């Protein structure tokens, strides 16, 4: 799955996976040692995340139903809790720096 910024087509992730099963949602990125540039994990539905048991930092992008960016948490280190984002519908987890070009109000699209 590919995530792009709708306004200019900037690719945010070109190797995104959706966590769809109980197991993939439960484990998330915990089994991984890192995320490579272009990789991402999309959690839907989701209003908040944690990085407990993870061994690397991530950028977390909180999205509403229309994939509008509500909040960006950059370089979340292991053993941290994100804010609860009430209107969020999903979270896109990216490698550190993966959300560098994003700001609140940007709208993403998938392909």
PDB file of N, CA and C in Angstrom:
ATOM      1  N   UNK A   1       0.848  -1.164   0.000  1.00  0.00           N
ATOM      2  CA  UNK A   1       0.000   0.000   0.000  1.00  0.00           C
ATOM      3  C   UNK A   1       0.903   1.239   0.000  1.00  0.00           C
ATOM      4  N   UNK A   2       0.476   2.264  -0.711  1.00  0.00           N
ATOM      5  CA  UNK A   2       1.223   3.516  -0.809  1.00  0.00           C
ATOM      6  C   UNK A   2       0.410   4.634  -0.171  1.00  0.00           C
ATOM      7  N   UNK A   3       1.085   5.473   0.619  1.00  0.00           N
ATOM      8  CA  UNK A   3       0.476   6.674   1.185  1.00  0.00           C
ATOM      9  C   UNK A   3       1.143   7.882   0.544  1.00  0.00           C
ATOM     10  N   UNK A   4       0.320   8.780  -0.001  1.00  0.00           N
ATOM     11  CA  UNK A   4       0.810  10.021  -0.600  1.00  0.00           C
ATOM     12  C   UNK A   4       0.092  11.207   0.020  1.00  0.00           C
ATOM     13  N   UNK A   5       0.773  12.362   0.021  1.00  0.00           N
ATOM     14  CA  UNK A   5       0.103  13.595   0.405  1.00  0.00           C
ATOM     15  C   UNK A   5      -0.735  14.015  -0.790  1.00  0.00           C
ATOM     16  N   UNK A   6      -2.010  14.259  -0.561  1.00  0.00           N
ATOM     17  CA  UNK A   6      -2.959  14.512  -1.637  1.00  0.00           C
ATOM     18  C   UNK A   6      -2.648  15.806  -2.400  1.00  0.00           C
ATOM     19  N   UNK A   7      -2.171  16.823  -1.717  1.00  0.00           N
ATOM     20  CA  UNK A   7      -1.972  18.125  -2.356  1.00  0.00           C
ATOM     21  C   UNK A   7      -0.896  18.118  -3.444  1.00  0.00           C
ATOM     22  N   UNK A   8       0.152  17.319  -3.267  1.00  0.00           N
ATOM     23  CA  UNK A   8       1.250  17.356  -4.236  1.00  0.00           C
ATOM     24  C   UNK A   8       1.770  15.977  -4.645  1.00  0.00           C
ATOM     25  N   UNK A   9       1.171  14.909  -4.120  1.00  0.00           N
ATOM     26  CA  UNK A   9       1.579  13.555  -4.508  1.00  0.00           C
ATOM     27  C   UNK A   9       2.846  13.055  -3.835  1.00  0.00           C
ATOM     28  N   UNK A  10       3.368  13.799  -2.867  1.00  0.00           N
ATOM     29  CA  UNK A  10       4.578  13.366  -2.177  1.00  0.00           C
ATOM     30  C   UNK A  10       4.341  12.011  -1.518  1.00  0.00           C
ATOM     31  N   UNK A  11       5.200  11.040  -1.817  1.00  0.00           N
ATOM     32  CA  UNK A  11       5.069   9.702  -1.243  1.00  0.00           C
ATOM     33  C   UNK A  11       5.597   9.717   0.184  1.00  0.00           C
ATOM     34  N   UNK A  12       4.739   9.338   1.109  1.00  0.00           N
ATOM     35  CA  UNK A  12       5.097   9.253   2.522  1.00  0.00           C
ATOM     36  C   UNK A  12       5.577   7.842   2.852  1.00  0.00           C
ATOM     37  N   UNK A  13       4.916   6.846   2.289  1.00  0.00           N
ATOM     38  CA  UNK A  13       5.309   5.437   2.459  1.00  0.00           C
ATOM     39  C   UNK A  13       4.898   4.678   1.210  1.00  0.00           C
ATOM     40  N   UNK A  14       5.806   3.876   0.684  1.00  0.00           N
ATOM     41  CA  UNK A  14       5.461   3.080  -0.496  1.00  0.00           C
ATOM     42  C   UNK A  14       5.444   1.575  -0.206  1.00  0.00           C
ATOM     43  N   UNK A  15       5.700   1.224   1.049  1.00  0.00           N
ATOM     44  CA  UNK A  15       5.641  -0.180   1.479  1.00  0.00           C
ATOM     45  C   UNK A  15       4.889  -0.262   2.805  1.00  0.00           C
ATOM     46  N   UNK A  16       3.672   0.233   2.814  1.00  0.00           N
ATOM     47  CA  UNK A  16       2.870   0.233   4.043  1.00  0.00           C
ATOM     48  C   UNK A  16       2.059  -1.052   4.142  1.00  0.00           C
ATOM     49  N   UNK A  17       1.994  -1.581   5.351  1.00  0.00           N
ATOM     50  CA  UNK A  17       1.175  -2.755   5.639  1.00  0.00           C
ATOM     51  C   UNK A  17       0.068  -2.336   6.586  1.00  0.00           C
ATOM     52  N   UNK A  18      -1.098  -2.935   6.446  1.00  0.00           N
ATOM     53  CA  UNK A  18      -2.204  -2.653   7.350  1.00  0.00           C
ATOM     54  C   UNK A  18      -2.279  -3.777   8.382  1.00  0.00           C
ATOM     55  N   UNK A  19      -2.331  -3.398   9.648  1.00  0.00           N
ATOM     56  CA  UNK A  19      -2.491  -4.377  10.724  1.00  0.00           C
ATOM     57  C   UNK A  19      -3.975  -4.706  10.815  1.00  0.00           C
ATOM     58  N   UNK A  20      -4.365  -5.844  10.261  1.00  0.00           N
ATOM     59  CA  UNK A  20      -5.782  -6.189  10.146  1.00  0.00           C
ATOM     60  C   UNK A  20      -6.239  -7.299  11.077  1.00  0.00           C
ATOM     61  N   UNK A  21      -5.316  -8.124  11.521  1.00  0.00           N
ATOM     62  CA  UNK A  21      -5.710  -9.245  12.370  1.00  0.00           C
ATOM     63  C   UNK A  21      -5.417  -8.919  13.839  1.00  0.00           C
ATOM     64  N   UNK A  22      -6.007  -9.702  14.724  1.00  0.00           N
ATOM     65  CA  UNK A  22      -5.752  -9.520  16.148  1.00  0.00           C
ATOM     66  C   UNK A  22      -4.251  -9.598  16.429  1.00  0.00           C
ATOM     67  N   UNK A  23      -3.611 -10.576  15.841  1.00  0.00           N
ATOM     68  CA  UNK A  23      -2.171 -10.786  16.065  1.00  0.00           C
ATOM     69  C   UNK A  23      -1.337  -9.618  15.551  1.00  0.00           C
ATOM     70  N   UNK A  24      -1.603  -9.152  14.335  1.00  0.00           N
ATOM     71  CA  UNK A  24      -0.797  -8.057  13.792  1.00  0.00           C
ATOM     72  C   UNK A  24      -1.040  -6.760  14.549  1.00  0.00           C
ATOM     73  N   UNK A  25      -2.251  -6.563  15.044  1.00  0.00           N
ATOM     74  CA  UNK A  25      -2.536  -5.367  15.856  1.00  0.00           C
ATOM     75  C   UNK A  25      -1.889  -5.485  17.236  1.00  0.00           C
ATOM     76  N   UNK A  26      -1.924  -6.680  17.819  1.00  0.00           N
ATOM     77  CA  UNK A  26      -1.348  -6.897  19.146  1.00  0.00           C
ATOM     78  C   UNK A  26       0.168  -6.697  19.126  1.00  0.00           C
ATOM     79  N   UNK A  27       0.819  -7.283  18.148  1.00  0.00           N
ATOM     80  CA  UNK A  27       2.280  -7.217  18.084  1.00  0.00           C
ATOM     81  C   UNK A  27       2.786  -5.931  17.434  1.00  0.00           C
ATOM     82  N   UNK A  28       2.044  -5.411  16.470  1.00  0.00           N
ATOM     83  CA  UNK A  28       2.483  -4.191  15.797  1.00  0.00           C
ATOM     84  C   UNK A  28       3.910  -4.305  15.305  1.00  0.00           C
ATOM     85  N   UNK A  29       4.751  -3.351  15.699  1.00  0.00           N
ATOM     86  CA  UNK A  29       6.153  -3.336  15.273  1.00  0.00           C
ATOM     87  C   UNK A  29       7.092  -3.987  16.275  1.00  0.00           C
ATOM     88  N   UNK A  30       6.555  -4.554  17.350  1.00  0.00           N
ATOM     89  CA  UNK A  30       7.397  -5.133  18.404  1.00  0.00           C
ATOM     90  C   UNK A  30       8.397  -6.165  17.868  1.00  0.00           C
ATOM     91  N   UNK A  31       8.000  -7.083  16.972  1.00  0.00           N
ATOM     92  CA  UNK A  31       8.972  -8.085  16.511  1.00  0.00           C
ATOM     93  C   UNK A  31      10.070  -7.522  15.595  1.00  0.00           C
ATOM     94  N   UNK A  32       9.891  -6.310  15.108  1.00  0.00           N
ATOM     95  CA  UNK A  32      10.830  -5.741  14.140  1.00  0.00           C
ATOM     96  C   UNK A  32      12.012  -5.085  14.847  1.00  0.00           C
ATOM     97  N   UNK A  33      13.128  -5.030  14.159  1.00  0.00           N
ATOM     98  CA  UNK A  33      14.320  -4.345  14.671  1.00  0.00           C
ATOM     99  C   UNK A  33      14.391  -2.904  14.166  1.00  0.00           C
ATOM    100  N   UNK A  34      13.665  -2.612  13.080  1.00  0.00           N
ATOM    101  CA  UNK A  34      13.655  -1.264  12.520  1.00  0.00           C
ATOM    102  C   UNK A  34      12.589  -1.190  11.434  1.00  0.00           C
ATOM    103  N   UNK A  35      12.353   0.023  10.969  1.00  0.00           N
ATOM    104  CA  UNK A  35      11.563   0.261   9.760  1.00  0.00           C
ATOM    105  C   UNK A  35      12.494   0.925   8.762  1.00  0.00           C
ATOM    106  N   UNK A  36      12.515   0.416   7.553  1.00  0.00           N
ATOM    107  CA  UNK A  36      13.330   1.008   6.501  1.00  0.00           C
ATOM    108  C   UNK A  36      12.596   2.218   5.912  1.00  0.00           C
ATOM    109  N   UNK A  37      13.320   3.150   5.295  1.00  0.00           N
ATOM    110  CA  UNK A  37      12.637   4.262   4.618  1.00  0.00           C
ATOM    111  C   UNK A  37      11.585   3.729   3.644  1.00  0.00           C
ATOM    112  N   UNK A  38      10.408   4.322   3.691  1.00  0.00           N
ATOM    113  CA  UNK A  38       9.313   3.897   2.820  1.00  0.00           C
ATOM    114  C   UNK A  38       8.388   2.874   3.450  1.00  0.00           C
ATOM    115  N   UNK A  39       8.830   2.206   4.517  1.00  0.00           N
ATOM    116  CA  UNK A  39       7.988   1.226   5.192  1.00  0.00           C
ATOM    117  C   UNK A  39       7.088   1.927   6.202  1.00  0.00           C
ATOM    118  N   UNK A  40       5.941   1.307   6.484  1.00  0.00           N
ATOM    119  CA  UNK A  40       5.003   1.843   7.470  1.00  0.00           C
ATOM    120  C   UNK A  40       4.061   0.743   7.920  1.00  0.00           C
ATOM    121  N   UNK A  41       3.463   0.956   9.089  1.00  0.00           N
ATOM    122  CA  UNK A  41       2.392   0.094   9.583  1.00  0.00           C
ATOM    123  C   UNK A  41       1.187   0.986   9.833  1.00  0.00           C
ATOM    124  N   UNK A  42       0.041   0.589   9.266  1.00  0.00           N
ATOM    125  CA  UNK A  42      -1.194   1.372   9.406  1.00  0.00           C
ATOM    126  C   UNK A  42      -2.130   0.633  10.339  1.00  0.00           C
ATOM    127  N   UNK A  43      -2.474   1.274  11.451  1.00  0.00           N
ATOM    128  CA  UNK A  43      -3.387   0.705  12.444  1.00  0.00           C
ATOM    129  C   UNK A  43      -4.735   1.396  12.330  1.00  0.00           C
ATOM    130  N   UNK A  44      -5.760   0.617  12.030  1.00  0.00           N
ATOM    131  CA  UNK A  44      -7.115   1.169  11.911  1.00  0.00           C
ATOM    132  C   UNK A  44      -8.115   0.147  12.420  1.00  0.00           C
ATOM    133  N   UNK A  45      -8.991   0.513  13.352  1.00  0.00           N
ATOM    134  CA  UNK A  45      -9.142   1.799  14.024  1.00  0.00           C
ATOM    135  C   UNK A  45      -8.088   1.952  15.114  1.00  0.00           C
ATOM    136  N   UNK A  46      -7.752   3.215  15.424  1.00  0.00           N
ATOM    137  CA  UNK A  46      -6.748   3.484  16.441  1.00  0.00           C
ATOM    138  C   UNK A  46      -6.799   4.962  16.822  1.00  0.00           C
ATOM    139  N   UNK A  47      -6.756   5.235  18.121  1.00  0.00           N
ATOM    140  CA  UNK A  47      -6.758   6.613  18.611  1.00  0.00           C
ATOM    141  C   UNK A  47      -5.535   6.925  19.469  1.00  0.00           C
ATOM    142  N   UNK A  48      -4.715   5.916  19.745  1.00  0.00           N
ATOM    143  CA  UNK A  48      -3.516   6.110  20.542  1.00  0.00           C
ATOM    144  C   UNK A  48      -2.632   4.882  20.452  1.00  0.00           C
ATOM    145  N   UNK A  49      -1.332   5.074  20.621  1.00  0.00           N
ATOM    146  CA  UNK A  49      -0.392   3.952  20.513  1.00  0.00           C
ATOM    147  C   UNK A  49       0.597   3.992  21.672  1.00  0.00           C
ATOM    148  N   UNK A  50       1.392   2.927  21.769  1.00  0.00           N
ATOM    149  CA  UNK A  50       2.514   2.878  22.702  1.00  0.00           C
ATOM    150  C   UNK A  50       3.702   2.286  21.966  1.00  0.00           C
ATOM    151  N   UNK A  51       4.869   2.509  22.514  1.00  0.00           N
ATOM    152  CA  UNK A  51       6.078   1.915  21.930  1.00  0.00           C
ATOM    153  C   UNK A  51       6.749   0.964  22.934  1.00  0.00           C
ATOM    154  N   UNK A  52       5.959   0.434  23.856  1.00  0.00           N
ATOM    155  CA  UNK A  52       6.481  -0.526  24.825  1.00  0.00           C
ATOM    156  C   UNK A  52       6.977  -1.774  24.101  1.00  0.00           C
ATOM    157  N   UNK A  53       8.081  -2.305  24.561  1.00  0.00           N
ATOM    158  CA  UNK A  53       8.715  -3.509  24.024  1.00  0.00           C
ATOM    159  C   UNK A  53       9.347  -3.297  22.652  1.00  0.00           C
ATOM    160  N   UNK A  54       9.291  -2.084  22.111  1.00  0.00           N
ATOM    161  CA  UNK A  54       9.930  -1.816  20.815  1.00  0.00           C
ATOM    162  C   UNK A  54      11.394  -1.467  21.050  1.00  0.00           C
ATOM    163  N   UNK A  55      12.216  -1.660  20.025  1.00  0.00           N
ATOM    164  CA  UNK A  55      13.652  -1.403  20.173  1.00  0.00           C
ATOM    165  C   UNK A  55      14.129  -0.225  19.327  1.00  0.00           C
ATOM    166  N   UNK A  56      13.199   0.539  18.761  1.00  0.00           N
ATOM    167  CA  UNK A  56      13.596   1.670  17.916  1.00  0.00           C
ATOM    168  C   UNK A  56      12.507   2.739  17.961  1.00  0.00           C
ATOM    169  N   UNK A  57      12.863   3.990  17.678  1.00  0.00           N
ATOM    170  CA  UNK A  57      11.867   5.064  17.664  1.00  0.00           C
ATOM    171  C   UNK A  57      11.061   5.057  16.365  1.00  0.00           C
ATOM    172  N   UNK A  58       9.898   5.696  16.412  1.00  0.00           N
ATOM    173  CA  UNK A  58       9.041   5.823  15.229  1.00  0.00           C
ATOM    174  C   UNK A  58       8.420   7.214  15.183  1.00  0.00           C
ATOM    175  N   UNK A  59       7.973   7.608  13.994  1.00  0.00           N
ATOM    176  CA  UNK A  59       7.083   8.752  13.829  1.00  0.00           C
ATOM    177  C   UNK A  59       5.672   8.189  13.768  1.00  0.00           C
ATOM    178  N   UNK A  60       4.719   8.854  14.413  1.00  0.00           N
ATOM    179  CA  UNK A  60       3.323   8.404  14.418  1.00  0.00           C
ATOM    180  C   UNK A  60       2.451   9.528  13.880  1.00  0.00           C
ATOM    181  N   UNK A  61       1.650   9.185  12.870  1.00  0.00           N
ATOM    182  CA  UNK A  61       0.769  10.162  12.230  1.00  0.00           C
ATOM    183  C   UNK A  61      -0.672   9.738  12.508  1.00  0.00           C
ATOM    184  N   UNK A  62      -1.408  10.585  13.223  1.00  0.00           N
ATOM    185  CA  UNK A  62      -2.793  10.309  13.583  1.00  0.00           C
ATOM    186  C   UNK A  62      -3.704  10.910  12.518  1.00  0.00           C
ATOM    187  N   UNK A  63      -4.579  10.061  11.981  1.00  0.00           N
ATOM    188  CA  UNK A  63      -5.424  10.438  10.848  1.00  0.00           C
ATOM    189  C   UNK A  63      -6.900  10.305  11.187  1.00  0.00           C
ATOM    190  N   UNK A  64      -7.732  11.183  10.612  1.00  0.00           N
ATOM    191  CA  UNK A  64      -9.174  11.034  10.782  1.00  0.00           C
ATOM    192  C   UNK A  64      -9.722  10.124   9.685  1.00  0.00           C
ATOM    193  N   UNK A  65     -11.032  10.012   9.592  1.00  0.00           N
ATOM    194  CA  UNK A  65     -11.668   9.119   8.609  1.00  0.00           C
ATOM    195  C   UNK A  65     -11.320   9.469   7.165  1.00  0.00           C
ATOM    196  N   UNK A  66     -11.033  10.748   6.917  1.00  0.00           N
ATOM    197  CA  UNK A  66     -10.701  11.202   5.567  1.00  0.00           C
ATOM    198  C   UNK A  66      -9.198  11.243   5.317  1.00  0.00           C
ATOM    199  N   UNK A  67      -8.426  10.635   6.214  1.00  0.00           N
ATOM    200  CA  UNK A  67      -6.963  10.595   6.155  1.00  0.00           C
ATOM    201  C   UNK A  67      -6.333  11.982   6.293  1.00  0.00           C
ATOM    202  N   UNK A  68      -7.019  12.866   6.987  1.00  0.00           N
ATOM    203  CA  UNK A  68      -6.469  14.185   7.306  1.00  0.00           C
ATOM    204  C   UNK A  68      -5.590  14.049   8.546  1.00  0.00           C
ATOM    205  N   UNK A  69      -4.408  14.633   8.496  1.00  0.00           N
ATOM    206  CA  UNK A  69      -3.461  14.563   9.611  1.00  0.00           C
ATOM    207  C   UNK A  69      -3.976  15.422  10.763  1.00  0.00           C
ATOM    208  N   UNK A  70      -4.200  14.769  11.906  1.00  0.00           N
ATOM    209  CA  UNK A  70      -4.660  15.461  13.107  1.00  0.00           C
ATOM    210  C   UNK A  70      -3.506  15.795  14.046  1.00  0.00           C
ATOM    211  N   UNK A  71      -2.504  14.925  14.057  1.00  0.00           N
ATOM    212  CA  UNK A  71      -1.366  15.102  14.963  1.00  0.00           C
ATOM    213  C   UNK A  71      -0.199  14.282  14.434  1.00  0.00           C
ATOM    214  N   UNK A  72       1.001  14.792  14.642  1.00  0.00           N
ATOM    215  CA  UNK A  72       2.213  14.054  14.295  1.00  0.00           C
ATOM    216  C   UNK A  72       3.089  13.993  15.540  1.00  0.00           C
ATOM    217  N   UNK A  73       3.448  12.789  15.946  1.00  0.00           N
ATOM    218  CA  UNK A  73       4.393  12.606  17.046  1.00  0.00           C
ATOM    219  C   UNK A  73       5.684  12.089  16.417  1.00  0.00           C
ATOM    220  N   UNK A  74       6.729  12.876  16.549  1.00  0.00           N
ATOM    221  CA  UNK A  74       7.989  12.576  15.874  1.00  0.00           C
ATOM    222  C   UNK A  74       8.979  11.874  16.810  1.00  0.00           C
ATOM    223  N   UNK A  75       9.656  10.885  16.260  1.00  0.00           N
ATOM    224  CA  UNK A  75      10.731  10.159  16.964  1.00  0.00           C
ATOM    225  C   UNK A  75      10.303   9.696  18.353  1.00  0.00           C
ATOM    226  N   UNK A  76       9.145   9.040  18.418  1.00  0.00           N
ATOM    227  CA  UNK A  76       8.700   8.448  19.694  1.00  0.00           C
ATOM    228  C   UNK A  76       9.666   7.326  20.073  1.00  0.00           C
ATOM    229  N   UNK A  77      10.333   7.494  21.186  1.00  0.00           N
ATOM    230  CA  UNK A  77      11.282   6.489  21.644  1.00  0.00           C
ATOM    231  C   UNK A  77      10.548   5.293  22.250  1.00  0.00           C
ATOM    232  N   UNK A  78      11.254   4.171  22.376  1.00  0.00           N
ATOM    233  CA  UNK A  78      10.653   3.009  23.042  1.00  0.00           C
ATOM    234  C   UNK A  78      10.179   3.358  24.454  1.00  0.00           C
ATOM    235  N   UNK A  79       9.128   2.655  24.866  1.00  0.00           N
ATOM    236  CA  UNK A  79       8.536   2.783  26.195  1.00  0.00           C
ATOM    237  C   UNK A  79       7.849   4.131  26.420  1.00  0.00           C
ATOM    238  N   UNK A  80       7.189   4.610  25.372  1.00  0.00           N
ATOM    239  CA  UNK A  80       6.435   5.863  25.469  1.00  0.00           C
ATOM    240  C   UNK A  80       4.978   5.602  25.114  1.00  0.00           C
ATOM    241  N   UNK A  81       4.095   6.471  25.618  1.00  0.00           N
ATOM    242  CA  UNK A  81       2.672   6.449  25.260  1.00  0.00           C
ATOM    243  C   UNK A  81       2.379   7.709  24.469  1.00  0.00           C
ATOM    244  N   UNK A  82       1.618   7.564  23.401  1.00  0.00           N
ATOM    245  CA  UNK A  82       1.206   8.737  22.639  1.00  0.00           C
ATOM    246  C   UNK A  82       0.050   9.417  23.351  1.00  0.00           C
ATOM    247  N   UNK A  83      -0.253  10.579  22.884  1.00  0.00           N
ATOM    248  CA  UNK A  83      -1.476  11.248  23.326  1.00  0.00           C
ATOM    249  C   UNK A  83      -2.668  10.456  22.799  1.00  0.00           C
ATOM    250  N   UNK A  84      -3.791  10.555  23.473  1.00  0.00           N
ATOM    251  CA  UNK A  84      -5.054  10.027  22.964  1.00  0.00           C
ATOM    252  C   UNK A  84      -5.610  11.109  22.037  1.00  0.00           C
ATOM    253  N   UNK A  85      -5.847  10.750  20.785  1.00  0.00           N
ATOM    254  CA  UNK A  85      -6.340  11.721  19.807  1.00  0.00           C
ATOM    255  C   UNK A  85      -7.794  11.359  19.512  1.00  0.00           C
ATOM    256  N   UNK A  86      -8.688  12.082  20.124  1.00  0.00           N
ATOM    257  CA  UNK A  86     -10.110  11.731  20.145  1.00  0.00           C
ATOM    258  C   UNK A  86     -10.724  11.530  18.768  1.00  0.00           C
ATOM    259  N   UNK A  87     -10.438  12.390  17.825  1.00  0.00           N
ATOM    260  CA  UNK A  87     -11.056  12.295  16.497  1.00  0.00           C
ATOM    261  C   UNK A  87     -10.292  11.393  15.529  1.00  0.00           C
ATOM    262  N   UNK A  88      -9.190  10.788  15.994  1.00  0.00           N
ATOM    263  CA  UNK A  88      -8.405   9.920  15.115  1.00  0.00           C
ATOM    264  C   UNK A  88      -9.173   8.646  14.796  1.00  0.00           C
ATOM    265  N   UNK A  89      -8.978   8.155  13.605  1.00  0.00           N
ATOM    266  CA  UNK A  89      -9.544   6.879  13.165  1.00  0.00           C
ATOM    267  C   UNK A  89      -8.429   5.856  12.945  1.00  0.00           C
ATOM    268  N   UNK A  90      -7.209   6.360  12.649  1.00  0.00           N
ATOM    269  CA  UNK A  90      -6.093   5.454  12.394  1.00  0.00           C
ATOM    270  C   UNK A  90      -4.775   6.145  12.702  1.00  0.00           C
ATOM    271  N   UNK A  91      -3.728   5.315  12.781  1.00  0.00           N
ATOM    272  CA  UNK A  91      -2.376   5.815  13.008  1.00  0.00           C
ATOM    273  C   UNK A  91      -1.452   5.146  11.997  1.00  0.00           C
ATOM    274  N   UNK A  92      -0.634   5.967  11.352  1.00  0.00           N
ATOM    275  CA  UNK A  92       0.385   5.477  10.435  1.00  0.00           C
ATOM    276  C   UNK A  92       1.722   5.571  11.155  1.00  0.00           C
ATOM    277  N   UNK A  93       2.349   4.406  11.382  1.00  0.00           N
ATOM    278  CA  UNK A  93       3.643   4.362  12.052  1.00  0.00           C
ATOM    279  C   UNK A  93       4.735   4.299  11.004  1.00  0.00           C
ATOM    280  N   UNK A  94       5.685   5.227  11.100  1.00  0.00           N
ATOM    281  CA  UNK A  94       6.748   5.401  10.105  1.00  0.00           C
ATOM    282  C   UNK A  94       8.113   5.371  10.779  1.00  0.00           C
ATOM    283  N   UNK A  95       9.182   5.151   9.992  1.00  0.00           N
ATOM    284  CA  UNK A  95      10.508   5.256  10.591  1.00  0.00           C
ATOM    285  C   UNK A  95      10.767   6.692  11.043  1.00  0.00           C
ATOM    286  N   UNK A  96      11.707   6.894  11.954  1.00  0.00           N
ATOM    287  CA  UNK A  96      12.001   8.254  12.390  1.00  0.00           C
ATOM    288  C   UNK A  96      12.344   9.140  11.188  1.00  0.00           C
ATOM    289  N   UNK A  97      11.741  10.306  11.132  1.00  0.00           N
ATOM    290  CA  UNK A  97      11.943  11.208  10.000  1.00  0.00           C
ATOM    291  C   UNK A  97      10.978  10.969   8.863  1.00  0.00           C
ATOM    292  N   UNK A  98      10.227   9.868   8.919  1.00  0.00           N
ATOM    293  CA  UNK A  98       9.296   9.532   7.844  1.00  0.00           C
ATOM    294  C   UNK A  98       8.134  10.499   7.718  1.00  0.00           C
ATOM    295  N   UNK A  99       7.840  11.220   8.800  1.00  0.00           N
ATOM    296  CA  UNK A  99       6.737  12.186   8.786  1.00  0.00           C
ATOM    297  C   UNK A  99       7.258  13.626   8.728  1.00  0.00           C
ATOM    298  N   UNK A 100       8.535  13.765   8.396  1.00  0.00           N
ATOM    299  CA  UNK A 100       9.170  15.085   8.407  1.00  0.00           C
ATOM    300  C   UNK A 100       8.417  16.117   7.574  1.00  0.00           C
ATOM    301  N   UNK A 101       7.896  15.710   6.426  1.00  0.00           N
ATOM    302  CA  UNK A 101       7.238  16.651   5.512  1.00  0.00           C
ATOM    303  C   UNK A 101       5.768  16.884   5.851  1.00  0.00           C
ATOM    304  N   UNK A 102       5.252  16.185   6.864  1.00  0.00           N
ATOM    305  CA  UNK A 102       3.818  16.288   7.179  1.00  0.00           C
ATOM    306  C   UNK A 102       3.537  17.294   8.280  1.00  0.00           C
ATOM    307  N   UNK A 103       2.372  17.917   8.189  1.00  0.00           N
ATOM    308  CA  UNK A 103       1.906  18.855   9.205  1.00  0.00           C
ATOM    309  C   UNK A 103       0.426  18.619   9.432  1.00  0.00           C
ATOM    310  N   UNK A 104      -0.067  19.061  10.590  1.00  0.00           N
ATOM    311  CA  UNK A 104      -1.494  18.966  10.856  1.00  0.00           C
ATOM    312  C   UNK A 104      -2.261  19.657   9.731  1.00  0.00           C
ATOM    313  N   UNK A 105      -3.328  19.008   9.271  1.00  0.00           N
ATOM    314  CA  UNK A 105      -4.142  19.548   8.196  1.00  0.00           C
ATOM    315  C   UNK A 105      -3.832  18.955   6.837  1.00  0.00           C
ATOM    316  N   UNK A 106      -2.643  18.368   6.658  1.00  0.00           N
ATOM    317  CA  UNK A 106      -2.356  17.676   5.393  1.00  0.00           C
ATOM    318  C   UNK A 106      -3.336  16.520   5.234  1.00  0.00           C
ATOM    319  N   UNK A 107      -3.649  16.187   4.009  1.00  0.00           N
ATOM    320  CA  UNK A 107      -4.540  15.068   3.722  1.00  0.00           C
ATOM    321  C   UNK A 107      -3.759  14.040   2.906  1.00  0.00           C
ATOM    322  N   UNK A 108      -3.859  12.780   3.312  1.00  0.00           N
ATOM    323  CA  UNK A 108      -3.197  11.694   2.602  1.00  0.00           C
ATOM    324  C   UNK A 108      -4.188  10.934   1.754  1.00  0.00           C
ATOM    325  N   UNK A 109      -3.641  10.156   0.828  1.00  0.00           N
ATOM    326  CA  UNK A 109      -4.448   9.232   0.030  1.00  0.00           C
ATOM    327  C   UNK A 109      -3.670   7.936  -0.102  1.00  0.00           C
ATOM    328  N   UNK A 110      -4.380   6.852  -0.357  1.00  0.00           N
ATOM    329  CA  UNK A 110      -3.739   5.540  -0.510  1.00  0.00           C
ATOM    330  C   UNK A 110      -3.902   5.053  -1.934  1.00  0.00           C
ATOM    331  N   UNK A 111      -2.982   4.212  -2.307  1.00  0.00           N
ATOM    332  CA  UNK A 111      -3.026   3.571  -3.631  1.00  0.00           C
ATOM    333  C   UNK A 111      -2.597   2.129  -3.489  1.00  0.00           C
TER     334      UNK A 111
END
